[in-house]
Amino acid sequence: MAKEKILITVKTYPTLSGKYDELVCTAGFREDGSWVRLYPIPFRKKSYEQQYKKYEWIELDIVKNKSDFRPASYRPYSFDSKINRLEYVDTSNNWAKRKRIVLQNVYTDLNPLIAEAKNKEICTSLAVFKPTKIKDFLVKEVEREWDADKLKKLKANRDQTSLFEHPEDPFKVVRKLPYEFRYVIEDVNGKESKMMIEDWEIGALFWRLLEKYSGDEAKTIEDVRKKYFDDFAKTKDLHLFLGTSQLYHFVSHNPFMIIGTFHPKHESQIALF
């Protein structure tokens, strides 16, 4: 067991787990720029004081997640381990403090990154990637409800535990996103890839806009595209946080998905000197 200080930069949209209810994959950086993945964490069940934000330094006791072969994967020492929230790193001076931690090791070529992932001695599973070009933003409609069997298992688990813990569990399962979002990217050698975007922020943006437009999904998707394509991809110095899933790490040709975006403004020439 070791207490680690980690700058949180990634929170994925929640998924359902038959064992742990609802889980969020969290990842971030140590002070030396190395990656740490934290899983499992029942984020929305944590007390408000422990619900950390992105770009907050946190401190908690972690151990290597022995059920995950990826070297960067750790877990809290116990499921109810206390998370100490420390300093929030703001966006002043065009994200200067964030850049010092985040941009220490940036990939621009997908081939060596994928090779590192497939190499069982290195097994890279988290990375910062700078695409040469964002060619498109794709939206695909998917199933609108969570898998019925998973929901049934969750209810059975809660009914059983509530007999011993709380007579009424107010926790509600997060809404499932009815769409998948992808970037079509190009790397420094012109290699094109379609990568799914799994970060928390795109899901939260979708639900906020849907409420704003009174349930109009066409307008909602149009504004999500404006944010991620017209704004991030065209006007910002966009970097992508990439991560693999344990299940498909050695199976998929390209095992990486987009688990977050890093989008400061482009530096002017004056600012560089």
C-alpha atoms as a PDB file:
ATOM      1  CA  MET A   1       0.000   0.000   0.000  1.00  0.00           C
ATOM      2  CA  ALA A   2       1.341   3.432  -0.937  1.00  0.00           C
ATOM      3  CA  LYS A   3      -0.158   6.893  -0.702  1.00  0.00           C
ATOM      4  CA  GLU A   4       0.098   8.497  -4.136  1.00  0.00           C
ATOM      5  CA  LYS A   5      -0.420  12.064  -5.319  1.00  0.00           C
ATOM      6  CA  ILE A   6      -2.157  12.107  -8.712  1.00  0.00           C
ATOM      7  CA  LEU A   7      -3.369  14.893 -11.011  1.00  0.00           C
ATOM      8  CA  ILE A   8      -6.729  13.697 -12.339  1.00  0.00           C
ATOM      9  CA  THR A   9      -7.097  14.347 -16.065  1.00  0.00           C
ATOM     10  CA  VAL A  10      -9.491  11.589 -17.176  1.00  0.00           C
ATOM     11  CA  LYS A  11     -12.935  10.500 -16.046  1.00  0.00           C
ATOM     12  CA  THR A  12     -14.825   8.253 -18.442  1.00  0.00           C
ATOM     13  CA  TYR A  13     -18.585   8.126 -18.792  1.00  0.00           C
ATOM     14  CA  PRO A  14     -19.938   5.635 -16.217  1.00  0.00           C
ATOM     15  CA  THR A  15     -20.499   2.009 -17.163  1.00  0.00           C
ATOM     16  CA  LEU A  16     -22.422  -0.724 -15.378  1.00  0.00           C
ATOM     17  CA  SER A  17     -20.738  -3.534 -13.508  1.00  0.00           C
ATOM     18  CA  GLY A  18     -22.488  -6.594 -12.139  1.00  0.00           C
ATOM     19  CA  LYS A  19     -20.024  -6.652  -9.232  1.00  0.00           C
ATOM     20  CA  TYR A  20     -19.625  -2.971  -8.370  1.00  0.00           C
ATOM     21  CA  ASP A  21     -22.807  -1.322  -9.684  1.00  0.00           C
ATOM     22  CA  GLU A  22     -21.684   1.739 -11.653  1.00  0.00           C
ATOM     23  CA  LEU A  23     -18.041   2.517 -12.271  1.00  0.00           C
ATOM     24  CA  VAL A  24     -15.932   5.349 -13.613  1.00  0.00           C
ATOM     25  CA  CYS A  25     -12.446   4.774 -14.992  1.00  0.00           C
ATOM     26  CA  THR A  26     -10.209   7.520 -13.654  1.00  0.00           C
ATOM     27  CA  ALA A  27      -6.687   8.263 -14.797  1.00  0.00           C
ATOM     28  CA  GLY A  28      -4.089  10.917 -14.258  1.00  0.00           C
ATOM     29  CA  PHE A  29      -0.428  11.779 -13.807  1.00  0.00           C
ATOM     30  CA  ARG A  30       2.100  11.537 -11.043  1.00  0.00           C
ATOM     31  CA  GLU A  31       4.329  14.574 -10.609  1.00  0.00           C
ATOM     32  CA  ASP A  32       6.990  12.930 -12.800  1.00  0.00           C
ATOM     33  CA  GLY A  33       4.552  12.701 -15.733  1.00  0.00           C
ATOM     34  CA  SER A  34       3.924   8.941 -15.496  1.00  0.00           C
ATOM     35  CA  TRP A  35       0.361   7.657 -15.902  1.00  0.00           C
ATOM     36  CA  VAL A  36      -1.842   5.985 -13.290  1.00  0.00           C
ATOM     37  CA  ARG A  37      -5.201   4.343 -13.976  1.00  0.00           C
ATOM     38  CA  LEU A  38      -7.528   4.028 -10.959  1.00  0.00           C
ATOM     39  CA  TYR A  39     -10.168   1.315 -11.183  1.00  0.00           C
ATOM     40  CA  PRO A  40     -12.611   0.482  -9.759  1.00  0.00           C
ATOM     41  CA  ILE A  41     -13.946   3.671  -8.182  1.00  0.00           C
ATOM     42  CA  PRO A  42     -17.714   4.063  -7.547  1.00  0.00           C
ATOM     43  CA  PHE A  43     -17.363   7.790  -8.162  1.00  0.00           C
ATOM     44  CA  ARG A  44     -20.984   8.934  -7.846  1.00  0.00           C
ATOM     45  CA  LYS A  45     -21.388   7.002  -4.590  1.00  0.00           C
ATOM     46  CA  LYS A  46     -18.521   8.864  -2.969  1.00  0.00           C
ATOM     47  CA  SER A  47     -19.423  11.667  -0.579  1.00  0.00           C
ATOM     48  CA  TYR A  48     -19.558  15.126  -2.120  1.00  0.00           C
ATOM     49  CA  GLU A  49     -16.281  16.024  -0.376  1.00  0.00           C
ATOM     50  CA  GLN A  50     -14.522  13.148  -2.164  1.00  0.00           C
ATOM     51  CA  GLN A  51     -15.986  13.679  -5.653  1.00  0.00           C
ATOM     52  CA  TYR A  52     -12.856  15.103  -7.224  1.00  0.00           C
ATOM     53  CA  LYS A  53     -12.810  17.278 -10.331  1.00  0.00           C
ATOM     54  CA  LYS A  54     -10.635  16.947 -13.385  1.00  0.00           C
ATOM     55  CA  TYR A  55      -7.312  18.746 -12.907  1.00  0.00           C
ATOM     56  CA  GLU A  56      -7.395  18.368  -9.157  1.00  0.00           C
ATOM     57  CA  TRP A  57      -4.485  16.816  -7.341  1.00  0.00           C
ATOM     58  CA  ILE A  58      -5.760  14.007  -5.152  1.00  0.00           C
ATOM     59  CA  GLU A  59      -4.056  11.743  -2.659  1.00  0.00           C
ATOM     60  CA  LEU A  60      -5.097   8.225  -1.716  1.00  0.00           C
ATOM     61  CA  ASP A  61      -3.730   4.830  -0.781  1.00  0.00           C
ATOM     62  CA  ILE A  62      -3.421   2.649  -3.881  1.00  0.00           C
ATOM     63  CA  VAL A  63      -2.121  -0.808  -4.730  1.00  0.00           C
ATOM     64  CA  LYS A  64      -1.416  -2.520  -8.043  1.00  0.00           C
ATOM     65  CA  ASN A  65      -4.601  -3.930  -9.531  1.00  0.00           C
ATOM     66  CA  LYS A  66      -3.539  -7.565  -9.817  1.00  0.00           C
ATOM     67  CA  SER A  67      -6.600  -8.460 -11.886  1.00  0.00           C
ATOM     68  CA  ASP A  68      -5.351  -6.105 -14.628  1.00  0.00           C
ATOM     69  CA  PHE A  69      -2.156  -6.943 -16.545  1.00  0.00           C
ATOM     70  CA  ARG A  70      -1.602  -3.343 -17.671  1.00  0.00           C
ATOM     71  CA  PRO A  71       1.285  -1.807 -15.673  1.00  0.00           C
ATOM     72  CA  ALA A  72      -0.441   1.566 -15.197  1.00  0.00           C
ATOM     73  CA  SER A  73      -3.504   0.009 -13.534  1.00  0.00           C
ATOM     74  CA  TYR A  74      -3.945   0.488  -9.805  1.00  0.00           C
ATOM     75  CA  ARG A  75      -6.902   0.410  -7.450  1.00  0.00           C
ATOM     76  CA  PRO A  76      -7.746   2.067  -4.144  1.00  0.00           C
ATOM     77  CA  TYR A  77      -6.450   0.021  -1.199  1.00  0.00           C
ATOM     78  CA  SER A  78     -10.052  -0.636  -0.244  1.00  0.00           C
ATOM     79  CA  PHE A  79     -13.356   0.099  -1.908  1.00  0.00           C
ATOM     80  CA  ASP A  80     -14.117   2.846   0.623  1.00  0.00           C
ATOM     81  CA  SER A  81     -10.596   4.308   0.779  1.00  0.00           C
ATOM     82  CA  LYS A  82     -10.687   8.013   1.554  1.00  0.00           C
ATOM     83  CA  ILE A  83      -9.746  10.370  -1.270  1.00  0.00           C
ATOM     84  CA  ASN A  84      -8.042  13.582  -0.171  1.00  0.00           C
ATOM     85  CA  ARG A  85      -8.662  16.432  -2.597  1.00  0.00           C
ATOM     86  CA  LEU A  86      -5.736  18.818  -2.785  1.00  0.00           C
ATOM     87  CA  GLU A  87      -4.980  21.700  -5.189  1.00  0.00           C
ATOM     88  CA  TYR A  88      -7.004  22.499  -8.320  1.00  0.00           C
ATOM     89  CA  VAL A  89      -4.794  23.347 -11.313  1.00  0.00           C
ATOM     90  CA  ASP A  90      -6.405  26.189 -13.253  1.00  0.00           C
ATOM     91  CA  THR A  91      -6.130  27.324 -16.896  1.00  0.00           C
ATOM     92  CA  SER A  92      -4.152  30.522 -16.271  1.00  0.00           C
ATOM     93  CA  ASN A  93      -1.414  31.464 -18.783  1.00  0.00           C
ATOM     94  CA  ASN A  94      -3.001  29.209 -21.407  1.00  0.00           C
ATOM     95  CA  TRP A  95      -2.951  26.079 -19.239  1.00  0.00           C
ATOM     96  CA  ALA A  96       0.764  26.505 -18.384  1.00  0.00           C
ATOM     97  CA  LYS A  97       0.708  24.513 -15.113  1.00  0.00           C
ATOM     98  CA  ARG A  98      -1.306  21.725 -16.714  1.00  0.00           C
ATOM     99  CA  LYS A  99       1.032  21.561 -19.696  1.00  0.00           C
ATOM    100  CA  ARG A 100       4.074  21.060 -17.468  1.00  0.00           C
ATOM    101  CA  ILE A 101       2.600  17.788 -16.230  1.00  0.00           C
ATOM    102  CA  VAL A 102       0.520  16.589 -19.200  1.00  0.00           C
ATOM    103  CA  LEU A 103       2.820  17.264 -22.154  1.00  0.00           C
ATOM    104  CA  GLN A 104       5.994  15.564 -20.938  1.00  0.00           C
ATOM    105  CA  ASN A 105       5.568  12.619 -23.331  1.00  0.00           C
ATOM    106  CA  VAL A 106       3.444  13.220 -26.449  1.00  0.00           C
ATOM    107  CA  TYR A 107       2.974  10.726 -29.311  1.00  0.00           C
ATOM    108  CA  THR A 108       2.343  11.846 -32.888  1.00  0.00           C
ATOM    109  CA  ASP A 109       2.759   8.484 -34.663  1.00  0.00           C
ATOM    110  CA  LEU A 110       0.195   5.730 -34.017  1.00  0.00           C
ATOM    111  CA  ASN A 111       2.356   2.805 -35.173  1.00  0.00           C
ATOM    112  CA  PRO A 112       4.980   2.899 -32.385  1.00  0.00           C
ATOM    113  CA  LEU A 113       2.248   3.601 -29.819  1.00  0.00           C
ATOM    114  CA  ILE A 114       0.263   0.532 -30.897  1.00  0.00           C
ATOM    115  CA  ALA A 115       3.491  -1.508 -30.979  1.00  0.00           C
ATOM    116  CA  GLU A 116       4.203  -0.494 -27.372  1.00  0.00           C
ATOM    117  CA  ALA A 117       0.695  -1.571 -26.397  1.00  0.00           C
ATOM    118  CA  LYS A 118       1.181  -4.998 -28.006  1.00  0.00           C
ATOM    119  CA  ASN A 119       4.629  -5.459 -26.439  1.00  0.00           C
ATOM    120  CA  LYS A 120       3.913  -7.489 -23.289  1.00  0.00           C
ATOM    121  CA  GLU A 121       6.985  -6.126 -21.523  1.00  0.00           C
ATOM    122  CA  ILE A 122       5.973  -2.470 -22.059  1.00  0.00           C
ATOM    123  CA  CYS A 123       2.205  -2.812 -22.436  1.00  0.00           C
ATOM    124  CA  THR A 124       1.475   0.911 -22.832  1.00  0.00           C
ATOM    125  CA  SER A 125      -2.204   1.493 -22.123  1.00  0.00           C
ATOM    126  CA  LEU A 126      -2.440   5.258 -21.540  1.00  0.00           C
ATOM    127  CA  ALA A 127      -0.965   8.017 -23.681  1.00  0.00           C
ATOM    128  CA  VAL A 128      -1.133  11.642 -24.768  1.00  0.00           C
ATOM    129  CA  PHE A 129      -1.521  11.835 -28.540  1.00  0.00           C
ATOM    130  CA  LYS A 130      -1.279  14.868 -30.821  1.00  0.00           C
ATOM    131  CA  PRO A 131      -3.137  14.216 -34.105  1.00  0.00           C
ATOM    132  CA  THR A 132      -1.880  15.976 -37.207  1.00  0.00           C
ATOM    133  CA  LYS A 133      -5.439  16.407 -38.412  1.00  0.00           C
ATOM    134  CA  ILE A 134      -8.988  15.858 -37.168  1.00  0.00           C
ATOM    135  CA  LYS A 135     -10.799  14.921 -40.362  1.00  0.00           C
ATOM    136  CA  ASP A 136     -14.340  14.392 -39.062  1.00  0.00           C
ATOM    137  CA  PHE A 137     -16.642  13.908 -36.086  1.00  0.00           C
ATOM    138  CA  LEU A 138     -19.013  10.945 -36.394  1.00  0.00           C
ATOM    139  CA  VAL A 139     -22.251  10.259 -34.521  1.00  0.00           C
ATOM    140  CA  LYS A 140     -23.936   6.854 -34.416  1.00  0.00           C
ATOM    141  CA  GLU A 141     -27.220   5.977 -32.722  1.00  0.00           C
ATOM    142  CA  VAL A 142     -27.001   2.959 -30.392  1.00  0.00           C
ATOM    143  CA  GLU A 143     -29.182   1.110 -27.864  1.00  0.00           C
ATOM    144  CA  ARG A 144     -30.949   3.571 -25.597  1.00  0.00           C
ATOM    145  CA  GLU A 145     -31.215   1.417 -22.491  1.00  0.00           C
ATOM    146  CA  TRP A 146     -28.733  -0.521 -20.427  1.00  0.00           C
ATOM    147  CA  ASP A 147     -28.656  -4.281 -20.823  1.00  0.00           C
ATOM    148  CA  ALA A 148     -31.685  -5.693 -18.973  1.00  0.00           C
ATOM    149  CA  ASP A 149     -29.715  -8.590 -17.445  1.00  0.00           C
ATOM    150  CA  LYS A 150     -27.125  -6.222 -15.963  1.00  0.00           C
ATOM    151  CA  LEU A 151     -29.836  -4.025 -14.475  1.00  0.00           C
ATOM    152  CA  LYS A 152     -31.524  -7.083 -12.991  1.00  0.00           C
ATOM    153  CA  LYS A 153     -28.260  -8.181 -11.359  1.00  0.00           C
ATOM    154  CA  LEU A 154     -27.683  -4.689  -9.960  1.00  0.00           C
ATOM    155  CA  LYS A 155     -31.152  -4.601  -8.451  1.00  0.00           C
ATOM    156  CA  ALA A 156     -30.669  -8.052  -6.907  1.00  0.00           C
ATOM    157  CA  ASN A 157     -27.316  -7.002  -5.421  1.00  0.00           C
ATOM    158  CA  ARG A 158     -28.790  -3.819  -3.991  1.00  0.00           C
ATOM    159  CA  ASP A 159     -31.844  -5.548  -2.578  1.00  0.00           C
ATOM    160  CA  GLN A 160     -29.542  -7.981  -0.793  1.00  0.00           C
ATOM    161  CA  THR A 161     -27.086  -5.421   0.566  1.00  0.00           C
ATOM    162  CA  SER A 162     -29.788  -2.926   1.587  1.00  0.00           C
ATOM    163  CA  LEU A 163     -31.047  -5.457   4.134  1.00  0.00           C
ATOM    164  CA  PHE A 164     -27.789  -4.981   6.009  1.00  0.00           C
ATOM    165  CA  GLU A 165     -26.846  -1.398   5.087  1.00  0.00           C
ATOM    166  CA  HIS A 166     -29.628   1.066   4.263  1.00  0.00           C
ATOM    167  CA  PRO A 167     -33.367   0.374   4.072  1.00  0.00           C
ATOM    168  CA  GLU A 168     -33.610   2.620   1.018  1.00  0.00           C
ATOM    169  CA  ASP A 169     -30.878   3.251  -1.555  1.00  0.00           C
ATOM    170  CA  PRO A 170     -31.401   6.646  -3.243  1.00  0.00           C
ATOM    171  CA  PHE A 171     -28.675   6.007  -5.805  1.00  0.00           C
ATOM    172  CA  LYS A 172     -29.909   5.903  -9.405  1.00  0.00           C
ATOM    173  CA  VAL A 173     -28.090   4.358 -12.335  1.00  0.00           C
ATOM    174  CA  VAL A 174     -26.702   6.950 -14.743  1.00  0.00           C
ATOM    175  CA  ARG A 175     -28.596   7.401 -17.998  1.00  0.00           C
ATOM    176  CA  LYS A 176     -27.177   5.516 -20.950  1.00  0.00           C
ATOM    177  CA  LEU A 177     -26.017   7.659 -23.852  1.00  0.00           C
ATOM    178  CA  PRO A 178     -28.128   6.886 -26.944  1.00  0.00           C
ATOM    179  CA  TYR A 179     -25.271   7.833 -29.295  1.00  0.00           C
ATOM    180  CA  GLU A 180     -21.618   6.961 -29.847  1.00  0.00           C
ATOM    181  CA  PHE A 181     -19.221   9.732 -30.813  1.00  0.00           C
ATOM    182  CA  ARG A 182     -15.986   9.296 -32.771  1.00  0.00           C
ATOM    183  CA  TYR A 183     -13.176  11.384 -34.158  1.00  0.00           C
ATOM    184  CA  VAL A 184     -11.637  10.510 -37.518  1.00  0.00           C
ATOM    185  CA  ILE A 185      -7.997  11.406 -36.972  1.00  0.00           C
ATOM    186  CA  GLU A 186      -4.786  11.380 -38.968  1.00  0.00           C
ATOM    187  CA  ASP A 187      -1.323  10.949 -37.471  1.00  0.00           C
ATOM    188  CA  VAL A 188       2.000  12.431 -38.540  1.00  0.00           C
ATOM    189  CA  ASN A 189       2.424   9.753 -41.255  1.00  0.00           C
ATOM    190  CA  GLY A 190      -1.085  10.160 -42.653  1.00  0.00           C
ATOM    191  CA  LYS A 191      -2.427   7.012 -40.937  1.00  0.00           C
ATOM    192  CA  GLU A 192      -6.191   7.411 -40.503  1.00  0.00           C
ATOM    193  CA  SER A 193      -8.117   6.030 -37.524  1.00  0.00           C
ATOM    194  CA  LYS A 194     -11.649   6.236 -36.191  1.00  0.00           C
ATOM    195  CA  MET A 195     -11.593   6.455 -32.415  1.00  0.00           C
ATOM    196  CA  MET A 196     -14.526   6.376 -30.040  1.00  0.00           C
ATOM    197  CA  ILE A 197     -14.769   9.226 -27.510  1.00  0.00           C
ATOM    198  CA  GLU A 198     -15.551   7.844 -24.042  1.00  0.00           C
ATOM    199  CA  ASP A 199     -14.930  10.804 -21.746  1.00  0.00           C
ATOM    200  CA  TRP A 200     -17.363  11.995 -19.087  1.00  0.00           C
ATOM    201  CA  GLU A 201     -17.530  15.503 -20.531  1.00  0.00           C
ATOM    202  CA  ILE A 202     -19.074  14.566 -23.869  1.00  0.00           C
ATOM    203  CA  GLY A 203     -21.826  12.646 -22.067  1.00  0.00           C
ATOM    204  CA  ALA A 204     -22.482  15.506 -19.664  1.00  0.00           C
ATOM    205  CA  LEU A 205     -22.537  17.962 -22.582  1.00  0.00           C
ATOM    206  CA  PHE A 206     -25.094  15.824 -24.433  1.00  0.00           C
ATOM    207  CA  TRP A 207     -27.506  15.764 -21.473  1.00  0.00           C
ATOM    208  CA  ARG A 208     -27.136  19.496 -20.749  1.00  0.00           C
ATOM    209  CA  LEU A 209     -27.871  20.396 -24.363  1.00  0.00           C
ATOM    210  CA  LEU A 210     -30.768  17.957 -24.574  1.00  0.00           C
ATOM    211  CA  GLU A 211     -32.375  19.704 -21.618  1.00  0.00           C
ATOM    212  CA  LYS A 212     -31.636  23.126 -23.137  1.00  0.00           C
ATOM    213  CA  TYR A 213     -33.346  22.103 -26.394  1.00  0.00           C
ATOM    214  CA  SER A 214     -36.297  20.406 -24.653  1.00  0.00           C
ATOM    215  CA  GLY A 215     -35.444  16.946 -25.939  1.00  0.00           C
ATOM    216  CA  ASP A 216     -34.552  17.916 -29.522  1.00  0.00           C
ATOM    217  CA  GLU A 217     -31.788  15.433 -30.301  1.00  0.00           C
ATOM    218  CA  ALA A 218     -30.954  16.886 -33.721  1.00  0.00           C
ATOM    219  CA  LYS A 219     -30.140  20.305 -32.219  1.00  0.00           C
ATOM    220  CA  THR A 220     -28.283  18.627 -29.361  1.00  0.00           C
ATOM    221  CA  ILE A 221     -26.042  16.612 -31.674  1.00  0.00           C
ATOM    222  CA  GLU A 222     -25.426  19.678 -33.835  1.00  0.00           C
ATOM    223  CA  ASP A 223     -24.091  21.574 -30.805  1.00  0.00           C
ATOM    224  CA  VAL A 224     -22.015  18.638 -29.572  1.00  0.00           C
ATOM    225  CA  ARG A 225     -20.407  18.567 -33.010  1.00  0.00           C
ATOM    226  CA  LYS A 226     -19.796  22.329 -32.875  1.00  0.00           C
ATOM    227  CA  LYS A 227     -17.968  21.964 -29.570  1.00  0.00           C
ATOM    228  CA  TYR A 228     -15.846  18.930 -30.443  1.00  0.00           C
ATOM    229  CA  PHE A 229     -15.225  19.600 -34.142  1.00  0.00           C
ATOM    230  CA  ASP A 230     -15.705  23.300 -34.916  1.00  0.00           C
ATOM    231  CA  ASP A 231     -14.184  24.454 -31.612  1.00  0.00           C
ATOM    232  CA  PHE A 232     -11.760  21.845 -30.210  1.00  0.00           C
ATOM    233  CA  ALA A 233     -10.552  20.378 -33.521  1.00  0.00           C
ATOM    234  CA  LYS A 234     -10.378  23.554 -35.583  1.00  0.00           C
ATOM    235  CA  THR A 235      -9.475  26.358 -33.177  1.00  0.00           C
ATOM    236  CA  LYS A 236      -7.617  24.705 -30.262  1.00  0.00           C
ATOM    237  CA  ASP A 237      -4.238  23.030 -29.840  1.00  0.00           C
ATOM    238  CA  LEU A 238      -5.990  19.705 -29.390  1.00  0.00           C
ATOM    239  CA  HIS A 239      -4.293  16.721 -27.738  1.00  0.00           C
ATOM    240  CA  LEU A 240      -6.100  13.473 -26.988  1.00  0.00           C
ATOM    241  CA  PHE A 241      -5.871  11.289 -23.915  1.00  0.00           C
ATOM    242  CA  LEU A 242      -5.905   7.699 -25.206  1.00  0.00           C
ATOM    243  CA  GLY A 243      -6.541   4.518 -23.258  1.00  0.00           C
ATOM    244  CA  THR A 244      -7.094   0.829 -23.908  1.00  0.00           C
ATOM    245  CA  SER A 245      -9.706  -1.506 -22.510  1.00  0.00           C
ATOM    246  CA  GLN A 246      -8.402  -4.547 -20.699  1.00  0.00           C
ATOM    247  CA  LEU A 247     -10.662  -6.871 -22.699  1.00  0.00           C
ATOM    248  CA  TYR A 248      -9.512  -5.739 -26.159  1.00  0.00           C
ATOM    249  CA  HIS A 249      -5.947  -4.633 -25.391  1.00  0.00           C
ATOM    250  CA  PHE A 250      -4.243  -7.508 -27.230  1.00  0.00           C
ATOM    251  CA  VAL A 251      -7.141  -8.288 -29.593  1.00  0.00           C
ATOM    252  CA  SER A 252      -7.920  -5.080 -31.465  1.00  0.00           C
ATOM    253  CA  HIS A 253      -5.666  -3.880 -34.264  1.00  0.00           C
ATOM    254  CA  ASN A 254      -5.775  -0.435 -32.642  1.00  0.00           C
ATOM    255  CA  PRO A 255      -6.768  -0.957 -29.000  1.00  0.00           C
ATOM    256  CA  PHE A 256      -6.935   2.743 -28.096  1.00  0.00           C
ATOM    257  CA  MET A 257     -10.002   4.897 -27.549  1.00  0.00           C
ATOM    258  CA  ILE A 258     -10.244   8.584 -26.673  1.00  0.00           C
ATOM    259  CA  ILE A 259     -10.820   8.984 -22.942  1.00  0.00           C
ATOM    260  CA  GLY A 260     -10.362  12.739 -22.752  1.00  0.00           C
ATOM    261  CA  THR A 261      -9.329  15.900 -24.559  1.00  0.00           C
ATOM    262  CA  PHE A 262      -6.692  18.519 -23.743  1.00  0.00           C
ATOM    263  CA  HIS A 263      -7.502  21.724 -25.552  1.00  0.00           C
ATOM    264  CA  PRO A 264      -5.600  24.917 -24.723  1.00  0.00           C
ATOM    265  CA  LYS A 265      -5.422  27.704 -27.267  1.00  0.00           C
ATOM    266  CA  HIS A 266      -2.660  27.702 -29.832  1.00  0.00           C
ATOM    267  CA  GLU A 267       0.429  29.502 -28.583  1.00  0.00           C
ATOM    268  CA  SER A 268       1.279  32.683 -30.436  1.00  0.00           C
ATOM    269  CA  GLN A 269       4.850  33.174 -31.615  1.00  0.00           C
ATOM    270  CA  ILE A 270       5.228  36.043 -29.164  1.00  0.00           C
ATOM    271  CA  ALA A 271       4.304  33.771 -26.274  1.00  0.00           C
ATOM    272  CA  LEU A 272       7.065  31.341 -27.164  1.00  0.00           C
ATOM    273  CA  PHE A 273       9.859  33.846 -26.517  1.00  0.00           C
END
